[in-house]
Amino acid sequence: MEKLVVLGNSVWQMFLTLPPITQWAVSMLVVCLIIAHLFRYNEQTVHEGPSIFTTAGIFFTFLGIAEGLYEFNPQKIDASIPTLLDGLKTAFIASVVGVGAALSLKLRYTIFGVKRSGSATAAGSATVDDLYRCEQIKCGIDLSVPDNQRFLHAHHVNADKSDNHPKNIKLLCIRCHADEFQHSHMKENPDYAIFCTRFPKEPSPRARRREPVRGRT
């Protein structure tokens, strides 16, 4: 316990020596990480969080470099070096924190998984139709009618198609699947247009079950 206190004090003293912009960047990333782990840890966070933290780390990398170069004066190289080094501190330290935050989310998911949004439903109350329902919370559309079952897709939460663990598979309708990150190409699928015609978006959180529209292709 005493060693942890000493380590914490050392980290805090090091933090206080960082440039203000570096302190701001690190603080923002750490606060967002705490929120992600303690209050917003769900499938969406697991899917989007690592990309956001990594992108934030890259952003602060360029911001730190830009800050250092902006104050750099070729005519006064010796006087400009400290400012340049401060910018590089922001660049590398913020990148380490951002990548570390993304890695922590991935490791937690790999080791412990994540509770699925439909886990609150008792197994005894589930029906066959529930197997063909979009698992996106704001959708939940019922695709149990045989002619509609082709619109239900298996989405890989961590974007790794080789990872077919049940915790990594989320059943989504083609519209919700197309709304996922880097899945917009699915909107070019002919089934997407047919689906949107049969199931136009509704303001209600749970879409009502609909029979397939006859005579449309």
Protein backbone atom coordinates (compact mmCIF):
# COMPACT_ATOMS: atom_id res chain seq x y z
CA MET A 1 0.00 0.00 0.00
CA GLU A 2 2.82 2.37 0.88
CA LYS A 3 4.48 1.68 -2.47
CA LEU A 4 1.27 2.55 -4.28
CA VAL A 5 1.07 5.86 -2.42
CA VAL A 6 4.67 6.66 -3.33
CA LEU A 7 3.99 5.73 -6.96
CA GLY A 8 0.86 7.87 -7.01
CA ASN A 9 2.75 10.85 -5.61
CA SER A 10 5.50 10.39 -8.19
CA VAL A 11 2.98 10.31 -11.04
CA TRP A 12 1.22 13.39 -9.67
CA GLN A 13 4.48 15.34 -9.34
CA MET A 14 5.40 14.40 -12.90
CA PHE A 15 1.93 15.49 -14.07
CA LEU A 16 2.41 18.91 -12.46
CA THR A 17 5.63 19.45 -14.43
CA LEU A 18 3.88 18.94 -17.78
CA PRO A 19 2.93 21.89 -20.01
CA PRO A 20 -0.64 23.18 -19.45
CA ILE A 21 -1.92 21.89 -22.79
CA THR A 22 -0.52 18.44 -22.00
CA GLN A 23 -2.20 18.48 -18.60
CA TRP A 24 -5.49 19.41 -20.27
CA ALA A 25 -5.19 16.67 -22.91
CA VAL A 26 -4.29 13.96 -20.40
CA SER A 27 -7.01 15.05 -17.97
CA MET A 28 -9.67 14.97 -20.68
CA LEU A 29 -8.65 11.50 -21.84
CA VAL A 30 -8.53 10.12 -18.29
CA VAL A 31 -11.94 11.57 -17.38
CA CYS A 32 -13.48 10.13 -20.56
CA LEU A 33 -11.88 6.76 -19.79
CA ILE A 34 -13.33 6.73 -16.27
CA ILE A 35 -16.78 7.55 -17.64
CA ALA A 36 -16.45 4.81 -20.26
CA HIS A 37 -15.46 2.16 -17.72
CA LEU A 38 -17.70 3.09 -14.80
CA PHE A 39 -20.83 4.62 -16.30
CA ARG A 40 -21.05 3.94 -20.05
CA TYR A 41 -19.52 0.50 -20.53
CA ASN A 42 -21.71 -1.20 -23.12
CA GLU A 43 -21.53 -2.64 -26.61
CA GLN A 44 -21.43 0.77 -28.25
CA THR A 45 -18.57 1.89 -26.00
CA VAL A 46 -16.61 -1.29 -26.75
CA HIS A 47 -17.13 -0.76 -30.48
CA GLU A 48 -16.60 2.99 -30.77
CA GLY A 49 -14.47 3.78 -27.70
CA PRO A 50 -11.09 2.41 -28.86
CA SER A 51 -11.36 4.26 -32.17
CA ILE A 52 -12.29 7.51 -30.40
CA PHE A 53 -9.44 7.29 -27.90
CA THR A 54 -6.91 6.35 -30.59
CA THR A 55 -8.11 9.19 -32.82
CA ALA A 56 -7.92 11.61 -29.88
CA GLY A 57 -4.34 10.49 -29.23
CA ILE A 58 -3.44 11.12 -32.86
CA PHE A 59 -5.15 14.52 -32.73
CA PHE A 60 -3.15 15.59 -29.69
CA THR A 61 0.00 14.30 -31.36
CA PHE A 62 -0.42 16.72 -34.24
CA LEU A 63 -1.63 19.45 -31.90
CA GLY A 64 1.51 19.13 -29.79
CA ILE A 65 3.79 19.15 -32.82
CA ALA A 66 1.92 22.13 -34.28
CA GLU A 67 2.22 23.99 -30.98
CA GLY A 68 5.96 23.40 -30.85
CA LEU A 69 6.54 24.39 -34.46
CA TYR A 70 4.34 27.48 -34.19
CA GLU A 71 6.55 28.98 -31.49
CA PHE A 72 9.79 27.80 -33.11
CA ASN A 73 11.98 30.62 -34.36
CA PRO A 74 14.79 29.58 -36.75
CA GLN A 75 16.56 32.82 -35.92
CA LYS A 76 16.65 31.92 -32.21
CA ILE A 77 17.10 28.19 -32.19
CA ASP A 78 18.45 27.91 -28.64
CA ALA A 79 15.54 29.90 -27.18
CA SER A 80 12.97 27.96 -29.24
CA ILE A 81 14.07 24.45 -28.27
CA PRO A 82 12.26 24.38 -24.87
CA THR A 83 8.96 25.34 -26.53
CA LEU A 84 9.46 22.69 -29.20
CA LEU A 85 10.17 20.06 -26.56
CA ASP A 86 7.01 21.04 -24.65
CA GLY A 87 5.03 20.47 -27.83
CA LEU A 88 6.62 17.08 -28.32
CA LYS A 89 5.75 16.17 -24.72
CA THR A 90 2.11 16.87 -25.49
CA ALA A 91 2.35 14.82 -28.67
CA PHE A 92 3.85 11.67 -27.21
CA ILE A 93 2.32 11.65 -23.72
CA ALA A 94 -1.22 12.26 -25.01
CA SER A 95 -0.71 9.53 -27.63
CA VAL A 96 0.41 7.05 -24.97
CA VAL A 97 -2.63 7.85 -22.80
CA GLY A 98 -5.03 7.64 -25.76
CA VAL A 99 -3.70 4.30 -27.00
CA GLY A 100 -3.56 2.99 -23.42
CA ALA A 101 -7.21 3.95 -22.89
CA ALA A 102 -8.23 2.16 -26.08
CA LEU A 103 -6.23 -0.90 -25.06
CA SER A 104 -7.89 -0.98 -21.62
CA LEU A 105 -11.35 -1.16 -23.21
CA LYS A 106 -10.24 -3.95 -25.55
CA LEU A 107 -8.63 -5.93 -22.74
CA ARG A 108 -11.68 -5.60 -20.50
CA TYR A 109 -13.93 -6.80 -23.31
CA THR A 110 -11.60 -9.71 -24.15
CA ILE A 111 -11.38 -10.88 -20.53
CA PHE A 112 -14.82 -10.08 -19.11
CA GLY A 113 -17.01 -9.41 -22.13
CA VAL A 114 -19.98 -7.05 -21.97
CA LYS A 115 -23.58 -7.53 -20.94
CA ARG A 116 -25.85 -7.52 -23.93
CA SER A 117 -28.72 -5.07 -24.04
CA GLY A 118 -31.31 -7.83 -24.07
CA SER A 119 -29.94 -9.68 -21.06
CA ALA A 120 -32.65 -8.28 -18.81
CA THR A 121 -35.28 -10.36 -20.60
CA ALA A 122 -35.97 -13.58 -18.74
CA ALA A 123 -35.18 -16.72 -20.67
CA GLY A 124 -38.58 -18.17 -19.88
CA SER A 125 -40.39 -15.24 -21.51
CA ALA A 126 -38.41 -15.38 -24.77
CA THR A 127 -40.17 -16.52 -27.93
CA VAL A 128 -39.01 -17.75 -31.33
CA ASP A 129 -39.77 -14.30 -32.73
CA ASP A 130 -37.15 -12.81 -30.41
CA LEU A 131 -34.48 -14.67 -32.37
CA TYR A 132 -35.32 -12.51 -35.38
CA ARG A 133 -35.44 -9.14 -33.64
CA CYS A 134 -32.92 -6.35 -34.19
CA GLU A 135 -30.90 -5.94 -30.99
CA GLN A 136 -30.29 -2.22 -31.45
CA ILE A 137 -32.03 -0.61 -28.47
CA LYS A 138 -33.62 2.19 -30.49
CA CYS A 139 -34.87 -0.21 -33.16
CA GLY A 140 -35.93 -3.68 -31.97
CA ILE A 141 -37.80 -4.37 -35.19
CA ASP A 142 -39.34 -7.84 -35.55
CA LEU A 143 -38.14 -9.74 -38.64
CA SER A 144 -39.60 -13.14 -37.79
CA VAL A 145 -41.75 -13.27 -40.95
CA PRO A 146 -39.84 -15.65 -43.30
CA ASP A 147 -39.73 -13.13 -46.14
CA ASN A 148 -38.09 -10.59 -43.80
CA GLN A 149 -35.49 -12.80 -42.18
CA ARG A 150 -32.91 -12.02 -44.85
CA PHE A 151 -32.79 -8.44 -43.52
CA LEU A 152 -31.30 -9.62 -40.22
CA HIS A 153 -27.50 -9.50 -40.12
CA ALA A 154 -24.86 -10.74 -37.66
CA HIS A 155 -22.72 -7.77 -36.66
CA HIS A 156 -19.26 -8.28 -35.08
CA VAL A 157 -19.04 -5.80 -32.20
CA ASN A 158 -15.24 -5.53 -32.18
CA ALA A 159 -15.05 -5.39 -36.01
CA ASP A 160 -13.12 -8.69 -36.08
CA LYS A 161 -15.03 -11.00 -38.43
CA SER A 162 -12.98 -13.99 -37.30
CA ASP A 163 -14.19 -13.53 -33.71
CA ASN A 164 -17.48 -15.44 -33.62
CA HIS A 165 -17.81 -15.60 -29.86
CA PRO A 166 -21.48 -15.14 -28.86
CA LYS A 167 -20.57 -12.00 -26.90
CA ASN A 168 -19.15 -10.48 -30.06
CA ILE A 169 -22.19 -11.15 -32.25
CA LYS A 170 -25.06 -8.69 -32.34
CA LEU A 171 -28.12 -9.27 -34.51
CA LEU A 172 -29.01 -6.12 -36.42
CA CYS A 173 -31.45 -5.25 -39.15
CA ILE A 174 -29.78 -4.16 -42.37
CA ARG A 175 -30.52 -0.48 -41.66
CA CYS A 176 -28.94 -0.51 -38.20
CA HIS A 177 -26.03 -2.56 -39.59
CA ALA A 178 -25.46 0.05 -42.30
CA ASP A 179 -25.40 2.77 -39.63
CA GLU A 180 -22.47 1.11 -37.86
CA PHE A 181 -18.99 2.58 -38.27
CA GLN A 182 -17.51 1.79 -41.72
CA HIS A 183 -20.62 -0.13 -42.81
CA SER A 184 -22.27 2.54 -44.95
CA HIS A 185 -21.51 0.50 -48.08
CA MET A 186 -24.43 -1.74 -47.12
CA LYS A 187 -26.78 1.04 -48.21
CA GLU A 188 -25.90 0.11 -51.79
CA ASN A 189 -27.33 -3.38 -51.24
CA PRO A 190 -30.70 -3.75 -53.05
CA ASP A 191 -32.11 -5.31 -49.87
CA TYR A 192 -31.49 -2.02 -48.06
CA ALA A 193 -33.90 -0.10 -50.31
CA ILE A 194 -36.50 -2.87 -50.02
CA PHE A 195 -36.15 -2.93 -46.25
CA CYS A 196 -36.54 0.86 -45.94
CA THR A 197 -39.70 0.67 -48.07
CA ARG A 198 -41.22 -2.06 -45.92
CA PHE A 199 -40.06 -0.58 -42.62
CA PRO A 200 -39.89 3.22 -42.76
CA LYS A 201 -38.39 4.76 -39.67
CA GLU A 202 -40.82 5.49 -36.85
CA PRO A 203 -40.44 7.81 -33.85
CA SER A 204 -41.38 5.06 -31.40
CA PRO A 205 -38.45 3.28 -29.64
CA ARG A 206 -39.77 -0.17 -30.55
CA ALA A 207 -41.02 -0.75 -34.06
CA ARG A 208 -44.25 -2.67 -34.44
CA ARG A 209 -44.27 -5.97 -36.30
CA ARG A 210 -45.13 -5.60 -39.95
CA GLU A 211 -46.07 -8.05 -42.61
CA PRO A 212 -44.09 -7.89 -45.89
CA VAL A 213 -45.52 -5.56 -48.49
CA ARG A 214 -46.93 -7.52 -51.34
CA GLY A 215 -46.34 -6.67 -54.97
CA ARG A 216 -43.11 -4.71 -54.37
CA THR A 217 -39.68 -5.70 -55.50
